[in-house]
PDB file of N, CA and C in Angstrom:
ATOM      1  N   MET A   1      57.514  83.880  36.257  1.00  0.00           N
ATOM      2  CA  MET A   1      58.370  82.707  36.263  1.00  0.00           C
ATOM      3  C   MET A   1      59.713  83.055  35.649  1.00  0.00           C
ATOM      4  N   SER A   2      60.710  82.446  36.159  1.00  0.00           N
ATOM      5  CA  SER A   2      62.053  82.680  35.665  1.00  0.00           C
ATOM      6  C   SER A   2      62.252  82.037  34.297  1.00  0.00           C
ATOM      7  N   THR A   3      63.034  82.695  33.479  1.00  0.00           N
ATOM      8  CA  THR A   3      63.382  82.132  32.175  1.00  0.00           C
ATOM      9  C   THR A   3      64.745  81.457  32.220  1.00  0.00           C
ATOM     10  N   SER A   4      65.368  81.477  33.398  1.00  0.00           N
ATOM     11  CA  SER A   4      66.691  80.884  33.559  1.00  0.00           C
ATOM     12  C   SER A   4      66.585  79.555  34.306  1.00  0.00           C
ATOM     13  N   LEU A   5      67.486  78.646  33.986  1.00  0.00           N
ATOM     14  CA  LEU A   5      67.548  77.372  34.697  1.00  0.00           C
ATOM     15  C   LEU A   5      68.562  77.414  35.837  1.00  0.00           C
ATOM     16  N   VAL A   6      69.047  78.622  36.143  1.00  0.00           N
ATOM     17  CA  VAL A   6      70.040  78.814  37.202  1.00  0.00           C
ATOM     18  C   VAL A   6      69.401  79.606  38.339  1.00  0.00           C
ATOM     19  N   CYS A   7      69.593  79.152  39.548  1.00  0.00           N
ATOM     20  CA  CYS A   7      69.044  79.820  40.723  1.00  0.00           C
ATOM     21  C   CYS A   7      69.650  81.216  40.872  1.00  0.00           C
ATOM     22  N   ALA A   8      68.804  82.211  40.999  1.00  0.00           N
ATOM     23  CA  ALA A   8      69.260  83.590  41.163  1.00  0.00           C
ATOM     24  C   ALA A   8      69.841  83.839  42.554  1.00  0.00           C
ATOM     25  N   ILE A   9      69.624  82.924  43.470  1.00  0.00           N
ATOM     26  CA  ILE A   9      70.135  83.070  44.835  1.00  0.00           C
ATOM     27  C   ILE A   9      71.518  82.439  44.978  1.00  0.00           C
ATOM     28  N   CYS A  10      71.666  81.202  44.495  1.00  0.00           N
ATOM     29  CA  CYS A  10      72.921  80.476  44.737  1.00  0.00           C
ATOM     30  C   CYS A  10      73.626  80.002  43.472  1.00  0.00           C
ATOM     31  N   SER A  11      73.080  80.326  42.311  1.00  0.00           N
ATOM     32  CA  SER A  11      73.708  80.038  41.008  1.00  0.00           C
ATOM     33  C   SER A  11      73.876  78.557  40.692  1.00  0.00           C
ATOM     34  N   THR A  12      73.045  77.703  41.280  1.00  0.00           N
ATOM     35  CA  THR A  12      73.074  76.292  40.905  1.00  0.00           C
ATOM     36  C   THR A  12      71.836  75.997  40.051  1.00  0.00           C
ATOM     37  N   SER A  13      71.739  74.786  39.564  1.00  0.00           N
ATOM     38  CA  SER A  13      70.605  74.387  38.734  1.00  0.00           C
ATOM     39  C   SER A  13      69.301  74.613  39.504  1.00  0.00           C
ATOM     40  N   ASP A  14      68.327  75.209  38.844  1.00  0.00           N
ATOM     41  CA  ASP A  14      67.088  75.603  39.515  1.00  0.00           C
ATOM     42  C   ASP A  14      65.891  74.823  38.990  1.00  0.00           C
ATOM     43  N   ASN A  15      65.024  74.432  39.890  1.00  0.00           N
ATOM     44  CA  ASN A  15      63.717  73.853  39.581  1.00  0.00           C
ATOM     45  C   ASN A  15      62.849  74.089  40.806  1.00  0.00           C
ATOM     46  N   TRP A  16      61.618  73.592  40.803  1.00  0.00           N
ATOM     47  CA  TRP A  16      60.727  73.873  41.922  1.00  0.00           C
ATOM     48  C   TRP A  16      61.282  73.322  43.237  1.00  0.00           C
ATOM     49  N   ARG A  17      61.844  72.116  43.206  1.00  0.00           N
ATOM     50  CA  ARG A  17      62.352  71.513  44.445  1.00  0.00           C
ATOM     51  C   ARG A  17      63.554  72.276  44.977  1.00  0.00           C
ATOM     52  N   HIS A  18      64.417  72.689  44.065  1.00  0.00           N
ATOM     53  CA  HIS A  18      65.563  73.475  44.510  1.00  0.00           C
ATOM     54  C   HIS A  18      65.088  74.768  45.172  1.00  0.00           C
ATOM     55  N   ALA A  19      64.209  75.497  44.487  1.00  0.00           N
ATOM     56  CA  ALA A  19      63.761  76.798  44.972  1.00  0.00           C
ATOM     57  C   ALA A  19      63.074  76.707  46.335  1.00  0.00           C
ATOM     58  N   LEU A  20      62.259  75.680  46.536  1.00  0.00           N
ATOM     59  CA  LEU A  20      61.436  75.609  47.743  1.00  0.00           C
ATOM     60  C   LEU A  20      61.965  74.695  48.839  1.00  0.00           C
ATOM     61  N   VAL A  21      62.912  73.822  48.496  1.00  0.00           N
ATOM     62  CA  VAL A  21      63.394  72.856  49.485  1.00  0.00           C
ATOM     63  C   VAL A  21      64.914  72.873  49.629  1.00  0.00           C
ATOM     64  N   ASN A  22      65.640  72.801  48.520  1.00  0.00           N
ATOM     65  CA  ASN A  22      67.080  72.547  48.587  1.00  0.00           C
ATOM     66  C   ASN A  22      67.983  73.764  48.556  1.00  0.00           C
ATOM     67  N   CYS A  23      67.530  74.879  48.025  1.00  0.00           N
ATOM     68  CA  CYS A  23      68.371  76.082  47.977  1.00  0.00           C
ATOM     69  C   CYS A  23      68.780  76.437  49.412  1.00  0.00           C
ATOM     70  N   HIS A  24      69.986  76.943  49.589  1.00  0.00           N
ATOM     71  CA  HIS A  24      70.437  77.248  50.955  1.00  0.00           C
ATOM     72  C   HIS A  24      69.504  78.242  51.637  1.00  0.00           C
ATOM     73  N   MET A  25      68.876  79.115  50.871  1.00  0.00           N
ATOM     74  CA  MET A  25      67.920  80.068  51.448  1.00  0.00           C
ATOM     75  C   MET A  25      66.717  79.321  52.021  1.00  0.00           C
ATOM     76  N   ALA A  26      66.170  78.373  51.266  1.00  0.00           N
ATOM     77  CA  ALA A  26      65.046  77.566  51.744  1.00  0.00           C
ATOM     78  C   ALA A  26      65.492  76.634  52.861  1.00  0.00           C
ATOM     79  N   GLY A  27      66.644  76.021  52.688  1.00  0.00           N
ATOM     80  CA  GLY A  27      67.149  75.069  53.679  1.00  0.00           C
ATOM     81  C   GLY A  27      67.338  75.681  55.048  1.00  0.00           C
ATOM     82  N   SER A  28      67.708  76.947  55.095  1.00  0.00           N
ATOM     83  CA  SER A  28      67.897  77.598  56.393  1.00  0.00           C
ATOM     84  C   SER A  28      66.562  77.782  57.114  1.00  0.00           C
ATOM     85  N   VAL A  29      65.480  77.895  56.362  1.00  0.00           N
ATOM     86  CA  VAL A  29      64.149  77.967  56.971  1.00  0.00           C
ATOM     87  C   VAL A  29      63.715  76.578  57.415  1.00  0.00           C
ATOM     88  N   TRP A  30      63.903  75.578  56.543  1.00  0.00           N
ATOM     89  CA  TRP A  30      63.511  74.209  56.902  1.00  0.00           C
ATOM     90  C   TRP A  30      64.296  73.697  58.103  1.00  0.00           C
ATOM     91  N   ALA A  31      65.507  74.192  58.311  1.00  0.00           N
ATOM     92  CA  ALA A  31      66.303  73.771  59.475  1.00  0.00           C
ATOM     93  C   ALA A  31      65.622  74.154  60.784  1.00  0.00           C
ATOM     94  N   LEU A  32      64.731  75.124  60.745  1.00  0.00           N
ATOM     95  CA  LEU A  32      64.020  75.578  61.939  1.00  0.00           C
ATOM     96  C   LEU A  32      62.645  74.914  62.091  1.00  0.00           C
ATOM     97  N   ALA A  33      62.235  74.146  61.106  1.00  0.00           N
ATOM     98  CA  ALA A  33      60.927  73.485  61.121  1.00  0.00           C
ATOM     99  C   ALA A  33      61.026  72.161  61.883  1.00  0.00           C
ATOM    100  N   PRO A  34      59.884  71.594  62.264  1.00  0.00           N
ATOM    101  CA  PRO A  34      59.906  70.293  62.955  1.00  0.00           C
ATOM    102  C   PRO A  34      60.637  69.227  62.121  1.00  0.00           C
ATOM    103  N   SER A  35      61.603  68.561  62.734  1.00  0.00           N
ATOM    104  CA  SER A  35      62.481  67.648  61.992  1.00  0.00           C
ATOM    105  C   SER A  35      61.737  66.471  61.374  1.00  0.00           C
ATOM    106  N   GLU A  36      60.712  65.935  62.055  1.00  0.00           N
ATOM    107  CA  GLU A  36      59.977  64.802  61.504  1.00  0.00           C
ATOM    108  C   GLU A  36      59.277  65.191  60.198  1.00  0.00           C
ATOM    109  N   MET A  37      58.704  66.389  60.175  1.00  0.00           N
ATOM    110  CA  MET A  37      58.015  66.853  58.977  1.00  0.00           C
ATOM    111  C   MET A  37      59.009  67.058  57.833  1.00  0.00           C
ATOM    112  N   VAL A  38      60.150  67.637  58.148  1.00  0.00           N
ATOM    113  CA  VAL A  38      61.164  67.895  57.119  1.00  0.00           C
ATOM    114  C   VAL A  38      61.726  66.586  56.576  1.00  0.00           C
ATOM    115  N   GLU A  39      61.996  65.626  57.437  1.00  0.00           N
ATOM    116  CA  GLU A  39      62.487  64.319  56.983  1.00  0.00           C
ATOM    117  C   GLU A  39      61.470  63.650  56.074  1.00  0.00           C
ATOM    118  N   HIS A  40      60.217  63.710  56.446  1.00  0.00           N
ATOM    119  CA  HIS A  40      59.148  63.121  55.629  1.00  0.00           C
ATOM    120  C   HIS A  40      59.072  63.823  54.274  1.00  0.00           C
ATOM    121  N   MET A  41      59.145  65.137  54.308  1.00  0.00           N
ATOM    122  CA  MET A  41      59.078  65.935  53.093  1.00  0.00           C
ATOM    123  C   MET A  41      60.248  65.610  52.161  1.00  0.00           C
ATOM    124  N   GLN A  42      61.433  65.500  52.703  1.00  0.00           N
ATOM    125  CA  GLN A  42      62.612  65.225  51.885  1.00  0.00           C
ATOM    126  C   GLN A  42      62.647  63.786  51.378  1.00  0.00           C
ATOM    127  N   ALA A  43      61.981  62.884  52.069  1.00  0.00           N
ATOM    128  CA  ALA A  43      61.935  61.485  51.626  1.00  0.00           C
ATOM    129  C   ALA A  43      61.024  61.310  50.412  1.00  0.00           C
ATOM    130  N   ASN A  44      60.128  62.250  50.192  1.00  0.00           N
ATOM    131  CA  ASN A  44      59.233  62.195  49.036  1.00  0.00           C
ATOM    132  C   ASN A  44      60.018  62.674  47.821  1.00  0.00           C
ATOM    133  N   LEU A  45      60.400  61.766  46.958  1.00  0.00           N
ATOM    134  CA  LEU A  45      61.240  62.082  45.802  1.00  0.00           C
ATOM    135  C   LEU A  45      60.448  62.307  44.523  1.00  0.00           C
ATOM    136  N   GLU A  46      59.136  62.500  44.658  1.00  0.00           N
ATOM    137  CA  GLU A  46      58.280  62.769  43.501  1.00  0.00           C
ATOM    138  C   GLU A  46      58.834  63.963  42.723  1.00  0.00           C
ATOM    139  N   LEU A  47      58.931  63.813  41.402  1.00  0.00           N
ATOM    140  CA  LEU A  47      59.523  64.857  40.565  1.00  0.00           C
ATOM    141  C   LEU A  47      58.553  65.988  40.215  1.00  0.00           C
ATOM    142  N   GLU A  48      57.288  65.659  40.067  1.00  0.00           N
ATOM    143  CA  GLU A  48      56.293  66.669  39.713  1.00  0.00           C
ATOM    144  C   GLU A  48      55.797  67.375  40.976  1.00  0.00           C
ATOM    145  N   ALA A  49      55.828  68.693  40.959  1.00  0.00           N
ATOM    146  CA  ALA A  49      55.441  69.479  42.130  1.00  0.00           C
ATOM    147  C   ALA A  49      54.024  69.157  42.602  1.00  0.00           C
ATOM    148  N   LYS A  50      53.070  69.088  41.683  1.00  0.00           N
ATOM    149  CA  LYS A  50      51.684  68.822  42.041  1.00  0.00           C
ATOM    150  C   LYS A  50      51.553  67.461  42.704  1.00  0.00           C
ATOM    151  N   ASP A  51      52.188  66.444  42.141  1.00  0.00           N
ATOM    152  CA  ASP A  51      52.118  65.096  42.714  1.00  0.00           C
ATOM    153  C   ASP A  51      52.802  65.036  44.068  1.00  0.00           C
ATOM    154  N   TRP A  52      53.911  65.760  44.199  1.00  0.00           N
ATOM    155  CA  TRP A  52      54.636  65.833  45.474  1.00  0.00           C
ATOM    156  C   TRP A  52      53.729  66.427  46.540  1.00  0.00           C
ATOM    157  N   LEU A  53      53.063  67.516  46.197  1.00  0.00           N
ATOM    158  CA  LEU A  53      52.187  68.187  47.154  1.00  0.00           C
ATOM    159  C   LEU A  53      50.985  67.316  47.514  1.00  0.00           C
ATOM    160  N   PHE A  54      50.400  66.637  46.526  1.00  0.00           N
ATOM    161  CA  PHE A  54      49.274  65.737  46.803  1.00  0.00           C
ATOM    162  C   PHE A  54      49.706  64.607  47.740  1.00  0.00           C
ATOM    163  N   LEU A  55      50.888  64.055  47.523  1.00  0.00           N
ATOM    164  CA  LEU A  55      51.380  62.995  48.405  1.00  0.00           C
ATOM    165  C   LEU A  55      51.603  63.523  49.821  1.00  0.00           C
ATOM    166  N   MET A  56      52.109  64.738  49.941  1.00  0.00           N
ATOM    167  CA  MET A  56      52.280  65.342  51.266  1.00  0.00           C
ATOM    168  C   MET A  56      50.926  65.502  51.949  1.00  0.00           C
ATOM    169  N   HIS A  57      49.923  65.896  51.180  1.00  0.00           N
ATOM    170  CA  HIS A  57      48.576  66.056  51.738  1.00  0.00           C
ATOM    171  C   HIS A  57      48.030  64.727  52.252  1.00  0.00           C
ATOM    172  N   GLU A  58      48.306  63.671  51.523  1.00  0.00           N
ATOM    173  CA  GLU A  58      47.806  62.345  51.894  1.00  0.00           C
ATOM    174  C   GLU A  58      48.540  61.749  53.089  1.00  0.00           C
ATOM    175  N   THR A  59      49.795  62.112  53.285  1.00  0.00           N
ATOM    176  CA  THR A  59      50.619  61.410  54.271  1.00  0.00           C
ATOM    177  C   THR A  59      50.972  62.215  55.519  1.00  0.00           C
ATOM    178  N   LEU A  60      50.712  63.505  55.517  1.00  0.00           N
ATOM    179  CA  LEU A  60      50.994  64.320  56.706  1.00  0.00           C
ATOM    180  C   LEU A  60      49.712  64.567  57.488  1.00  0.00           C
ATOM    181  N   ALA A  61      49.874  64.755  58.773  1.00  0.00           N
ATOM    182  CA  ALA A  61      48.745  65.184  59.592  1.00  0.00           C
ATOM    183  C   ALA A  61      48.311  66.571  59.119  1.00  0.00           C
ATOM    184  N   GLN A  62      47.049  66.915  59.345  1.00  0.00           N
ATOM    185  CA  GLN A  62      46.504  68.194  58.880  1.00  0.00           C
ATOM    186  C   GLN A  62      47.346  69.382  59.340  1.00  0.00           C
ATOM    187  N   ASN A  63      47.719  69.429  60.604  1.00  0.00           N
ATOM    188  CA  ASN A  63      48.508  70.555  61.119  1.00  0.00           C
ATOM    189  C   ASN A  63      49.876  70.630  60.445  1.00  0.00           C
ATOM    190  N   ASP A  64      50.502  69.489  60.230  1.00  0.00           N
ATOM    191  CA  ASP A  64      51.809  69.469  59.555  1.00  0.00           C
ATOM    192  C   ASP A  64      51.683  69.897  58.102  1.00  0.00           C
ATOM    193  N   PHE A  65      50.623  69.452  57.441  1.00  0.00           N
ATOM    194  CA  PHE A  65      50.438  69.856  56.044  1.00  0.00           C
ATOM    195  C   PHE A  65      50.189  71.354  55.949  1.00  0.00           C
ATOM    196  N   THR A  66      49.406  71.890  56.861  1.00  0.00           N
ATOM    197  CA  THR A  66      49.164  73.338  56.874  1.00  0.00           C
ATOM    198  C   THR A  66      50.475  74.084  57.072  1.00  0.00           C
ATOM    199  N   ARG A  67      51.295  73.628  58.014  1.00  0.00           N
ATOM    200  CA  ARG A  67      52.597  74.261  58.247  1.00  0.00           C
ATOM    201  C   ARG A  67      53.471  74.149  56.990  1.00  0.00           C
ATOM    202  N   LEU A  68      53.461  73.008  56.352  1.00  0.00           N
ATOM    203  CA  LEU A  68      54.243  72.800  55.136  1.00  0.00           C
ATOM    204  C   LEU A  68      53.849  73.809  54.059  1.00  0.00           C
ATOM    205  N   VAL A  69      52.560  73.936  53.798  1.00  0.00           N
ATOM    206  CA  VAL A  69      52.090  74.821  52.729  1.00  0.00           C
ATOM    207  C   VAL A  69      52.403  76.279  53.049  1.00  0.00           C
ATOM    208  N   ILE A  70      52.195  76.681  54.273  1.00  0.00           N
ATOM    209  CA  ILE A  70      52.493  78.074  54.647  1.00  0.00           C
ATOM    210  C   ILE A  70      53.990  78.336  54.560  1.00  0.00           C
ATOM    211  N   THR A  71      54.795  77.365  54.939  1.00  0.00           N
ATOM    212  CA  THR A  71      56.252  77.528  54.846  1.00  0.00           C
ATOM    213  C   THR A  71      56.683  77.618  53.386  1.00  0.00           C
ATOM    214  N   LEU A  72      56.151  76.768  52.534  1.00  0.00           N
ATOM    215  CA  LEU A  72      56.466  76.845  51.096  1.00  0.00           C
ATOM    216  C   LEU A  72      56.088  78.215  50.538  1.00  0.00           C
ATOM    217  N   TRP A  73      54.914  78.685  50.901  1.00  0.00           N
ATOM    218  CA  TRP A  73      54.432  79.985  50.440  1.00  0.00           C
ATOM    219  C   TRP A  73      55.363  81.107  50.899  1.00  0.00           C
ATOM    220  N   GLU A  74      55.761  81.055  52.162  1.00  0.00           N
ATOM    221  CA  GLU A  74      56.625  82.114  52.697  1.00  0.00           C
ATOM    222  C   GLU A  74      58.032  82.039  52.110  1.00  0.00           C
ATOM    223  N   ILE A  75      58.546  80.843  51.882  1.00  0.00           N
ATOM    224  CA  ILE A  75      59.846  80.709  51.221  1.00  0.00           C
ATOM    225  C   ILE A  75      59.775  81.311  49.823  1.00  0.00           C
ATOM    226  N   TRP A  76      58.699  81.007  49.108  1.00  0.00           N
ATOM    227  CA  TRP A  76      58.538  81.565  47.756  1.00  0.00           C
ATOM    228  C   TRP A  76      58.468  83.092  47.803  1.00  0.00           C
ATOM    229  N   ARG A  77      57.700  83.636  48.743  1.00  0.00           N
ATOM    230  CA  ARG A  77      57.567  85.087  48.884  1.00  0.00           C
ATOM    231  C   ARG A  77      58.921  85.722  49.219  1.00  0.00           C
ATOM    232  N   ASP A  78      59.638  85.121  50.154  1.00  0.00           N
ATOM    233  CA  ASP A  78      60.961  85.639  50.522  1.00  0.00           C
ATOM    234  C   ASP A  78      61.930  85.562  49.344  1.00  0.00           C
ATOM    235  N   ARG A  79      61.852  84.484  48.607  1.00  0.00           N
ATOM    236  CA  ARG A  79      62.723  84.309  47.433  1.00  0.00           C
ATOM    237  C   ARG A  79      62.449  85.388  46.395  1.00  0.00           C
ATOM    238  N   ARG A  80      61.176  85.667  46.126  1.00  0.00           N
ATOM    239  CA  ARG A  80      60.819  86.705  45.158  1.00  0.00           C
ATOM    240  C   ARG A  80      61.303  88.076  45.618  1.00  0.00           C
ATOM    241  N   LYS A  81      61.164  88.357  46.924  1.00  0.00           N
ATOM    242  CA  LYS A  81      61.648  89.640  47.454  1.00  0.00           C
ATOM    243  C   LYS A  81      63.164  89.751  47.296  1.00  0.00           C
ATOM    244  N   ALA A  82      63.859  88.664  47.562  1.00  0.00           N
ATOM    245  CA  ALA A  82      65.320  88.681  47.444  1.00  0.00           C
ATOM    246  C   ALA A  82      65.749  88.897  45.995  1.00  0.00           C
ATOM    247  N   ILE A  83      65.104  88.207  45.080  1.00  0.00           N
ATOM    248  CA  ILE A  83      65.487  88.293  43.669  1.00  0.00           C
ATOM    249  C   ILE A  83      65.096  89.632  43.054  1.00  0.00           C
ATOM    250  N   HIS A  84      63.888  90.080  43.302  1.00  0.00           N
ATOM    251  CA  HIS A  84      63.365  91.244  42.593  1.00  0.00           C
ATOM    252  C   HIS A  84      63.539  92.564  43.326  1.00  0.00           C
ATOM    253  N   GLU A  85      63.632  92.504  44.666  1.00  0.00           N
ATOM    254  CA  GLU A  85      63.743  93.747  45.432  1.00  0.00           C
ATOM    255  C   GLU A  85      65.043  93.845  46.221  1.00  0.00           C
ATOM    256  N   LYS A  86      65.847  92.786  46.174  1.00  0.00           N
ATOM    257  CA  LYS A  86      67.098  92.722  46.940  1.00  0.00           C
ATOM    258  C   LYS A  86      66.857  92.880  48.442  1.00  0.00           C
ATOM    259  N   ILE A  87      65.707  92.380  48.913  1.00  0.00           N
ATOM    260  CA  ILE A  87      65.370  92.377  50.336  1.00  0.00           C
ATOM    261  C   ILE A  87      65.475  90.944  50.825  1.00  0.00           C
ATOM    262  N   PHE A  88      66.378  90.716  51.760  1.00  0.00           N
ATOM    263  CA  PHE A  88      66.617  89.368  52.278  1.00  0.00           C
ATOM    264  C   PHE A  88      66.087  89.261  53.707  1.00  0.00           C
ATOM    265  N   GLN A  89      65.251  88.256  53.937  1.00  0.00           N
ATOM    266  CA  GLN A  89      64.703  87.989  55.257  1.00  0.00           C
ATOM    267  C   GLN A  89      65.588  86.980  55.975  1.00  0.00           C
ATOM    268  N   SER A  90      65.740  87.139  57.276  1.00  0.00           N
ATOM    269  CA  SER A  90      66.464  86.128  58.045  1.00  0.00           C
ATOM    270  C   SER A  90      65.555  84.915  58.222  1.00  0.00           C
ATOM    271  N   PRO A  91      66.137  83.733  58.363  1.00  0.00           N
ATOM    272  CA  PRO A  91      65.315  82.540  58.602  1.00  0.00           C
ATOM    273  C   PRO A  91      64.442  82.678  59.853  1.00  0.00           C
ATOM    274  N   LEU A  92      64.957  83.342  60.897  1.00  0.00           N
ATOM    275  CA  LEU A  92      64.155  83.528  62.108  1.00  0.00           C
ATOM    276  C   LEU A  92      62.978  84.461  61.865  1.00  0.00           C
ATOM    277  N   SER A  93      63.172  85.469  61.039  1.00  0.00           N
ATOM    278  CA  SER A  93      62.074  86.368  60.678  1.00  0.00           C
ATOM    279  C   SER A  93      61.008  85.601  59.895  1.00  0.00           C
ATOM    280  N   THR A  94      61.452  84.759  58.994  1.00  0.00           N
ATOM    281  CA  THR A  94      60.526  83.933  58.216  1.00  0.00           C
ATOM    282  C   THR A  94      59.764  82.988  59.140  1.00  0.00           C
ATOM    283  N   LEU A  95      60.468  82.331  60.046  1.00  0.00           N
ATOM    284  CA  LEU A  95      59.820  81.426  60.994  1.00  0.00           C
ATOM    285  C   LEU A  95      58.824  82.185  61.866  1.00  0.00           C
ATOM    286  N   SER A  96      59.169  83.375  62.280  1.00  0.00           N
ATOM    287  CA  SER A  96      58.272  84.188  63.097  1.00  0.00           C
ATOM    288  C   SER A  96      56.983  84.483  62.339  1.00  0.00           C
ATOM    289  N   PHE A  97      57.107  84.828  61.052  1.00  0.00           N
ATOM    290  CA  PHE A  97      55.914  85.083  60.241  1.00  0.00           C
ATOM    291  C   PHE A  97      55.062  83.817  60.140  1.00  0.00           C
ATOM    292  N   ILE A  98      55.702  82.685  59.868  1.00  0.00           N
ATOM    293  CA  ILE A  98      54.976  81.413  59.721  1.00  0.00           C
ATOM    294  C   ILE A  98      54.221  81.086  61.014  1.00  0.00           C
ATOM    295  N   ASN A  99      54.899  81.197  62.146  1.00  0.00           N
ATOM    296  CA  ASN A  99      54.262  80.889  63.430  1.00  0.00           C
ATOM    297  C   ASN A  99      53.115  81.854  63.730  1.00  0.00           C
ATOM    298  N   SER A 100      53.306  83.117  63.421  1.00  0.00           N
ATOM    299  CA  SER A 100      52.251  84.108  63.630  1.00  0.00           C
ATOM    300  C   SER A 100      51.042  83.804  62.743  1.00  0.00           C
ATOM    301  N   PHE A 101      51.302  83.450  61.498  1.00  0.00           N
ATOM    302  CA  PHE A 101      50.219  83.116  60.571  1.00  0.00           C
ATOM    303  C   PHE A 101      49.460  81.886  61.064  1.00  0.00           C
ATOM    304  N   LEU A 102      50.193  80.872  61.512  1.00  0.00           N
ATOM    305  CA  LEU A 102      49.550  79.662  62.040  1.00  0.00           C
ATOM    306  C   LEU A 102      48.725  79.979  63.281  1.00  0.00           C
ATOM    307  N   ASP A 103      49.246  80.845  64.153  1.00  0.00           N
ATOM    308  CA  ASP A 103      48.491  81.255  65.346  1.00  0.00           C
ATOM    309  C   ASP A 103      47.202  81.971  64.949  1.00  0.00           C
ATOM    310  N   ASP A 104      47.296  82.837  63.940  1.00  0.00           N
ATOM    311  CA  ASP A 104      46.101  83.544  63.461  1.00  0.00           C
ATOM    312  C   ASP A 104      45.073  82.551  62.917  1.00  0.00           C
ATOM    313  N   LEU A 105      45.539  81.567  62.147  1.00  0.00           N
ATOM    314  CA  LEU A 105      44.615  80.549  61.633  1.00  0.00           C
ATOM    315  C   LEU A 105      43.945  79.792  62.767  1.00  0.00           C
ATOM    316  N   GLU A 106      44.722  79.448  63.776  1.00  0.00           N
ATOM    317  CA  GLU A 106      44.188  78.705  64.916  1.00  0.00           C
ATOM    318  C   GLU A 106      43.158  79.540  65.672  1.00  0.00           C
ATOM    319  N   SER A 107      43.431  80.822  65.823  1.00  0.00           N
ATOM    320  CA  SER A 107      42.482  81.684  66.540  1.00  0.00           C
ATOM    321  C   SER A 107      41.181  81.832  65.761  1.00  0.00           C
ATOM    322  N   LEU A 108      41.240  81.756  64.446  1.00  0.00           N
ATOM    323  CA  LEU A 108      40.019  81.816  63.653  1.00  0.00           C
ATOM    324  C   LEU A 108      39.170  80.561  63.844  1.00  0.00           C
ATOM    325  N   LYS A 109      39.807  79.443  64.133  1.00  0.00           N
ATOM    326  CA  LYS A 109      39.085  78.195  64.355  1.00  0.00           C
ATOM    327  C   LYS A 109      38.351  78.197  65.695  1.00  0.00           C
ATOM    328  N   GLN A 110      38.910  78.847  66.695  1.00  0.00           N
ATOM    329  CA  GLN A 110      38.369  78.791  68.055  1.00  0.00           C
ATOM    330  C   GLN A 110      36.912  79.239  68.146  1.00  0.00           C
ATOM    331  N   PRO A 111      36.526  80.394  67.574  1.00  0.00           N
ATOM    332  CA  PRO A 111      35.099  80.771  67.658  1.00  0.00           C
ATOM    333  C   PRO A 111      34.189  79.746  66.966  1.00  0.00           C
ATOM    334  N   ALA A 112      34.628  79.177  65.885  1.00  0.00           N
ATOM    335  CA  ALA A 112      33.821  78.186  65.180  1.00  0.00           C
ATOM    336  C   ALA A 112      33.627  76.935  66.038  1.00  0.00           C
ATOM    337  N   ILE A 113      34.663  76.546  66.749  1.00  0.00           N
ATOM    338  CA  ILE A 113      34.567  75.378  67.639  1.00  0.00           C
ATOM    339  C   ILE A 113      33.615  75.687  68.788  1.00  0.00           C
ATOM    340  N   ALA A 114      33.722  76.882  69.358  1.00  0.00           N
ATOM    341  CA  ALA A 114      32.857  77.269  70.488  1.00  0.00           C
ATOM    342  C   ALA A 114      31.403  77.340  70.028  1.00  0.00           C
ATOM    343  N   GLN A 115      31.151  77.854  68.821  1.00  0.00           N
ATOM    344  CA  GLN A 115      29.784  77.928  68.320  1.00  0.00           C
ATOM    345  C   GLN A 115      29.213  76.539  68.060  1.00  0.00           C
ATOM    346  N   ALA A 116      30.044  75.630  67.607  1.00  0.00           N
ATOM    347  CA  ALA A 116      29.580  74.274  67.319  1.00  0.00           C
ATOM    348  C   ALA A 116      29.148  73.567  68.614  1.00  0.00           C
ATOM    349  N   ARG A 117      29.778  73.907  69.708  1.00  0.00           N
ATOM    350  CA  ARG A 117      29.436  73.286  71.001  1.00  0.00           C
ATOM    351  C   ARG A 117      28.117  73.824  71.555  1.00  0.00           C
ATOM    352  N   ASN A 118      27.753  75.050  71.186  1.00  0.00           N
ATOM    353  CA  ASN A 118      26.535  75.664  71.723  1.00  0.00           C
ATOM    354  C   ASN A 118      25.335  75.186  71.024  1.00  0.00           C
TER     355      ASN A 118
END
């Protein structure tokens, strides 16, 4: 965890929401996400990260919540790489990883669905 209250990416005030939602690095990824999900996510003004995430779980469809969590995870991973390794991912590269991960998750569900039918 950072000991600074300043974002290492854009030098503005830093907190969980800034790092994962509002920082220009995160925002460029969210700009590529489904707009309805992003609008819903941004409308949730809950200050505590845990409560914010629980509310997202309660109010988003399962597929949207899964996409949200994977996107948050990938933004965090990209942010850590940028800060600690000076490796910057393009938003399209990040989106490609997210979509590939979601496709992999979906493919894992398919055999389970087919077995349930048999």
